[in-house]
Amino acid sequence: MAEIFKEAIKLLATFDKEIYEIVFLSMIVSFSSTFISTIIAVPLGILLGNIEFPFKRVVVRILYTTMSLPPVIVGLVVFLILSRKGPLGYLDLNFTPSAMIIAQTILIIPIIMGIVYNRTKEDGRNIHNIGKTLGASYFQRGILTIKELRIPIFIAIVSGYGRAVSEVGAIMIVGGNIKGHTRVMTTSIAMLKNMGNYSMAIAIGIVLLTISFIVNGILYHFQGE
């Protein structure tokens, strides 16, 4: 074990090209999916928390259910949709980083949206009503809500990113874990363990744990505020 950890640290310290290519791709895929999810989920979460409509309870229950979607199911559905005989097969996206971003986006939209909705239903309506009383337009009230709920929104975004960077099932299915093309940290660790290359697996694991520590540190800080 000591030798494995020693070799792992050496790989990181010498900036092993393969490891850092894997880490870089992981960051690109996770950041991209989180950014896209944020643009979609934050406005929808605020809207859902502020308005009333028939069957809202059903929609909320569906939202809560999708917050724990099994990644392998999402990966399988995305794979079939993007396959050659699927409705979007002409895009030829399977086994590309784009397919991985799509799968991760589907996974983390409900997480961000659910957290934002929860805080909006508690405080958002009061903020919305205050803005209306002051004569703000609907758009201005939306901006005011985002400003006042910025910490819960940021927590939601960080939570979504944490799910994205640690996900393995969906991206393994749609990405294929192709060396130099779609191989990311989580899929690499699973493959390297099977190959018996524990030093590189531990090196990548150290990076993944460091990212998780940073993400949880940010969450802890803002939840304290």
Protein backbone atom coordinates (compact mmCIF):
# COMPACT_ATOMS: atom_id res chain seq x y z
CA MET A 1 0.00 0.00 0.00
CA ALA A 2 2.84 2.38 0.84
CA GLU A 3 4.45 1.76 -2.55
CA ILE A 4 1.13 2.29 -4.36
CA PHE A 5 0.56 5.66 -2.65
CA LYS A 6 4.16 6.66 -3.23
CA GLU A 7 3.83 5.92 -6.95
CA ALA A 8 0.48 7.73 -7.07
CA ILE A 9 1.97 10.89 -5.54
CA LYS A 10 4.89 10.65 -7.96
CA LEU A 11 2.50 10.48 -10.93
CA LEU A 12 0.74 13.63 -9.73
CA ALA A 13 3.94 15.48 -8.88
CA THR A 14 5.52 14.74 -12.28
CA PHE A 15 2.33 15.91 -14.07
CA ASP A 16 1.66 12.62 -15.82
CA LYS A 17 0.12 13.61 -19.16
CA GLU A 18 -2.54 10.89 -19.26
CA ILE A 19 -3.79 11.64 -15.74
CA TYR A 20 -4.09 15.37 -16.31
CA GLU A 21 -5.81 14.87 -19.67
CA ILE A 22 -8.39 12.74 -17.85
CA VAL A 23 -8.80 15.35 -15.11
CA PHE A 24 -9.11 18.18 -17.65
CA LEU A 25 -11.81 16.37 -19.63
CA SER A 26 -13.69 15.56 -16.43
CA MET A 27 -13.69 19.23 -15.43
CA ILE A 28 -14.82 20.36 -18.89
CA VAL A 29 -17.71 17.86 -19.00
CA SER A 30 -18.83 18.56 -15.43
CA PHE A 31 -18.57 22.36 -15.71
CA SER A 32 -20.42 22.36 -19.04
CA SER A 33 -23.28 20.21 -17.77
CA THR A 34 -23.54 22.27 -14.57
CA PHE A 35 -23.60 25.54 -16.52
CA ILE A 36 -26.33 24.32 -18.88
CA SER A 37 -28.33 22.87 -15.98
CA THR A 38 -28.09 26.13 -14.04
CA ILE A 39 -29.46 28.18 -16.93
CA ILE A 40 -32.45 25.83 -17.21
CA ALA A 41 -33.09 24.78 -13.61
CA VAL A 42 -32.75 28.04 -11.65
CA PRO A 43 -35.49 29.98 -13.53
CA LEU A 44 -37.76 26.91 -13.53
CA GLY A 45 -37.24 26.34 -9.81
CA ILE A 46 -38.07 29.97 -9.02
CA LEU A 47 -41.09 29.90 -11.33
CA LEU A 48 -42.39 26.67 -9.79
CA GLY A 49 -42.03 28.10 -6.29
CA ASN A 50 -43.83 31.36 -7.10
CA ILE A 51 -46.85 30.27 -9.11
CA GLU A 52 -49.88 28.09 -8.47
CA PHE A 53 -51.47 25.90 -11.12
CA PRO A 54 -53.54 22.70 -11.36
CA PHE A 55 -51.64 19.48 -10.59
CA LYS A 56 -48.72 21.40 -9.07
CA ARG A 57 -48.38 18.74 -6.37
CA VAL A 58 -47.99 16.08 -9.05
CA VAL A 59 -45.30 18.11 -10.78
CA VAL A 60 -43.46 18.62 -7.47
CA ARG A 61 -43.60 14.89 -6.68
CA ILE A 62 -42.21 14.09 -10.12
CA LEU A 63 -39.45 16.64 -9.53
CA TYR A 64 -38.52 15.06 -6.19
CA THR A 65 -38.53 11.61 -7.79
CA THR A 66 -36.21 12.70 -10.60
CA MET A 67 -33.74 14.14 -8.07
CA SER A 68 -32.68 10.54 -7.41
CA LEU A 69 -32.75 9.22 -10.98
CA PRO A 70 -30.59 6.09 -11.42
CA PRO A 71 -27.63 7.21 -13.59
CA VAL A 72 -27.53 3.95 -15.57
CA ILE A 73 -31.18 4.42 -16.59
CA VAL A 74 -30.49 7.97 -17.75
CA GLY A 75 -27.42 6.77 -19.62
CA LEU A 76 -29.37 4.00 -21.33
CA VAL A 77 -32.20 6.31 -22.40
CA VAL A 78 -29.80 8.95 -23.74
CA PHE A 79 -27.81 6.25 -25.53
CA LEU A 80 -30.94 4.88 -27.25
CA ILE A 81 -32.12 8.37 -28.26
CA LEU A 82 -28.69 9.18 -29.74
CA SER A 83 -28.12 5.74 -31.31
CA ARG A 84 -28.13 5.41 -35.09
CA LYS A 85 -31.73 4.18 -35.12
CA GLY A 86 -32.86 6.65 -32.45
CA PRO A 87 -34.69 9.96 -33.05
CA LEU A 88 -31.45 11.96 -32.76
CA GLY A 89 -29.17 9.38 -34.31
CA TYR A 90 -28.37 11.66 -37.25
CA LEU A 91 -26.36 13.85 -34.85
CA ASP A 92 -23.88 11.00 -34.30
CA LEU A 93 -23.20 12.03 -30.69
CA ASN A 94 -22.81 8.68 -28.93
CA PHE A 95 -19.32 8.05 -27.55
CA THR A 96 -18.49 11.76 -27.55
CA PRO A 97 -18.07 14.30 -24.73
CA SER A 98 -21.28 15.97 -25.94
CA ALA A 99 -23.30 12.85 -25.12
CA MET A 100 -21.71 12.77 -21.68
CA ILE A 101 -22.67 16.41 -21.09
CA ILE A 102 -26.27 15.68 -22.16
CA ALA A 103 -26.53 12.72 -19.76
CA GLN A 104 -25.06 14.67 -16.84
CA THR A 105 -27.29 17.65 -17.57
CA ILE A 106 -30.40 15.46 -17.37
CA LEU A 107 -29.17 14.08 -14.05
CA ILE A 108 -28.43 17.37 -12.32
CA ILE A 109 -31.25 19.62 -13.59
CA PRO A 110 -33.72 18.08 -11.07
CA ILE A 111 -31.19 18.47 -8.22
CA ILE A 112 -30.62 22.18 -8.83
CA MET A 113 -34.28 22.82 -9.61
CA GLY A 114 -35.48 20.96 -6.50
CA ILE A 115 -33.19 22.86 -4.11
CA VAL A 116 -34.09 26.23 -5.68
CA TYR A 117 -37.81 25.37 -5.56
CA ASN A 118 -37.63 24.48 -1.86
CA ARG A 119 -36.13 27.83 -0.92
CA THR A 120 -38.34 29.79 -3.30
CA LYS A 121 -41.57 28.36 -1.88
CA GLU A 122 -40.40 29.46 1.60
CA ASP A 123 -39.11 32.97 0.86
CA GLY A 124 -39.59 33.67 -2.83
CA ARG A 125 -43.22 34.68 -2.72
CA ASN A 126 -42.58 37.33 -0.05
CA ILE A 127 -39.69 38.71 -2.11
CA HIS A 128 -41.89 38.65 -5.21
CA ASN A 129 -44.71 40.49 -3.43
CA ILE A 130 -42.37 43.14 -1.99
CA GLY A 131 -41.00 43.81 -5.48
CA LYS A 132 -44.55 44.06 -6.85
CA THR A 133 -45.49 46.53 -4.09
CA LEU A 134 -42.49 48.68 -5.01
CA GLY A 135 -43.61 48.75 -8.64
CA ALA A 136 -40.99 46.40 -10.08
CA SER A 137 -41.73 44.68 -13.37
CA TYR A 138 -42.04 40.89 -13.55
CA PHE A 139 -38.48 40.64 -14.90
CA GLN A 140 -37.15 42.94 -12.15
CA ARG A 141 -38.93 40.84 -9.53
CA GLY A 142 -37.25 37.75 -10.95
CA ILE A 143 -33.81 39.41 -10.72
CA LEU A 144 -34.60 40.52 -7.15
CA THR A 145 -35.55 36.95 -6.21
CA ILE A 146 -32.28 35.60 -7.63
CA LYS A 147 -30.27 38.23 -5.71
CA GLU A 148 -32.02 37.52 -2.41
CA LEU A 149 -31.76 33.74 -2.82
CA ARG A 150 -28.22 33.80 -4.21
CA ILE A 151 -26.74 31.64 -1.44
CA PRO A 152 -29.32 28.80 -1.74
CA ILE A 153 -28.96 29.01 -5.53
CA PHE A 154 -25.19 28.77 -5.24
CA ILE A 155 -25.57 25.77 -2.89
CA ALA A 156 -27.84 24.14 -5.47
CA ILE A 157 -25.28 24.73 -8.25
CA VAL A 158 -22.42 23.33 -6.17
CA SER A 159 -24.54 20.30 -5.23
CA GLY A 160 -25.27 19.70 -8.92
CA TYR A 161 -21.59 19.96 -9.79
CA GLY A 162 -20.72 17.51 -7.04
CA ARG A 163 -23.15 14.99 -8.52
CA ALA A 164 -21.78 15.57 -12.01
CA VAL A 165 -18.09 15.18 -11.23
CA SER A 166 -18.64 11.97 -9.23
CA GLU A 167 -21.05 10.29 -11.67
CA VAL A 168 -19.95 7.12 -13.46
CA GLY A 169 -22.89 5.01 -14.71
CA ALA A 170 -24.46 7.31 -17.30
CA ILE A 171 -21.23 8.61 -18.81
CA MET A 172 -19.80 5.10 -19.02
CA ILE A 173 -22.76 4.06 -21.18
CA VAL A 174 -22.92 7.09 -23.50
CA GLY A 175 -19.18 7.88 -23.53
CA GLY A 176 -17.70 4.41 -23.74
CA ASN A 177 -14.57 5.32 -21.71
CA ILE A 178 -12.45 5.78 -24.84
CA LYS A 179 -8.82 6.67 -24.10
CA GLY A 180 -7.97 10.27 -24.99
CA HIS A 181 -11.55 10.98 -26.03
CA THR A 182 -14.21 10.18 -23.42
CA ARG A 183 -12.24 8.82 -20.48
CA VAL A 184 -12.94 10.76 -17.28
CA MET A 185 -11.89 10.33 -13.65
CA THR A 186 -14.67 8.06 -12.42
CA THR A 187 -14.66 5.73 -15.43
CA SER A 188 -10.85 5.62 -15.35
CA ILE A 189 -10.78 4.54 -11.71
CA ALA A 190 -13.21 1.69 -12.42
CA MET A 191 -11.17 0.53 -15.42
CA LEU A 192 -7.75 0.88 -13.75
CA LYS A 193 -8.92 -1.15 -10.76
CA ASN A 194 -9.92 -4.00 -13.07
CA MET A 195 -6.56 -3.75 -14.83
CA GLY A 196 -4.66 -3.83 -11.54
CA ASN A 197 -3.10 -0.39 -12.14
CA TYR A 198 -3.71 0.76 -8.59
CA SER A 199 -1.13 3.55 -8.57
CA MET A 200 -2.82 5.52 -11.34
CA ALA A 201 -6.27 4.72 -9.90
CA ILE A 202 -5.20 6.11 -6.51
CA ALA A 203 -3.63 9.19 -8.18
CA ILE A 204 -6.89 9.99 -9.98
CA GLY A 205 -8.82 9.16 -6.81
CA ILE A 206 -6.75 11.71 -4.86
CA VAL A 207 -7.71 14.40 -7.40
CA LEU A 208 -11.38 13.37 -7.24
CA LEU A 209 -11.35 13.42 -3.43
CA THR A 210 -9.68 16.84 -3.46
CA ILE A 211 -12.42 18.20 -5.71
CA SER A 212 -15.10 16.62 -3.46
CA PHE A 213 -13.44 18.16 -0.40
CA ILE A 214 -13.45 21.61 -2.02
CA VAL A 215 -17.08 21.26 -3.12
CA ASN A 216 -18.21 20.14 0.34
CA GLY A 217 -16.13 22.90 1.95
CA ILE A 218 -17.93 25.49 -0.17
CA LEU A 219 -21.30 23.95 0.72
CA TYR A 220 -20.46 23.94 4.43
CA HIS A 221 -19.35 27.58 4.29
CA PHE A 222 -22.46 28.87 2.54
CA GLN A 223 -24.87 26.71 4.55
CA GLY A 224 -23.28 28.25 7.65
CA GLU A 225 -24.04 31.70 6.29
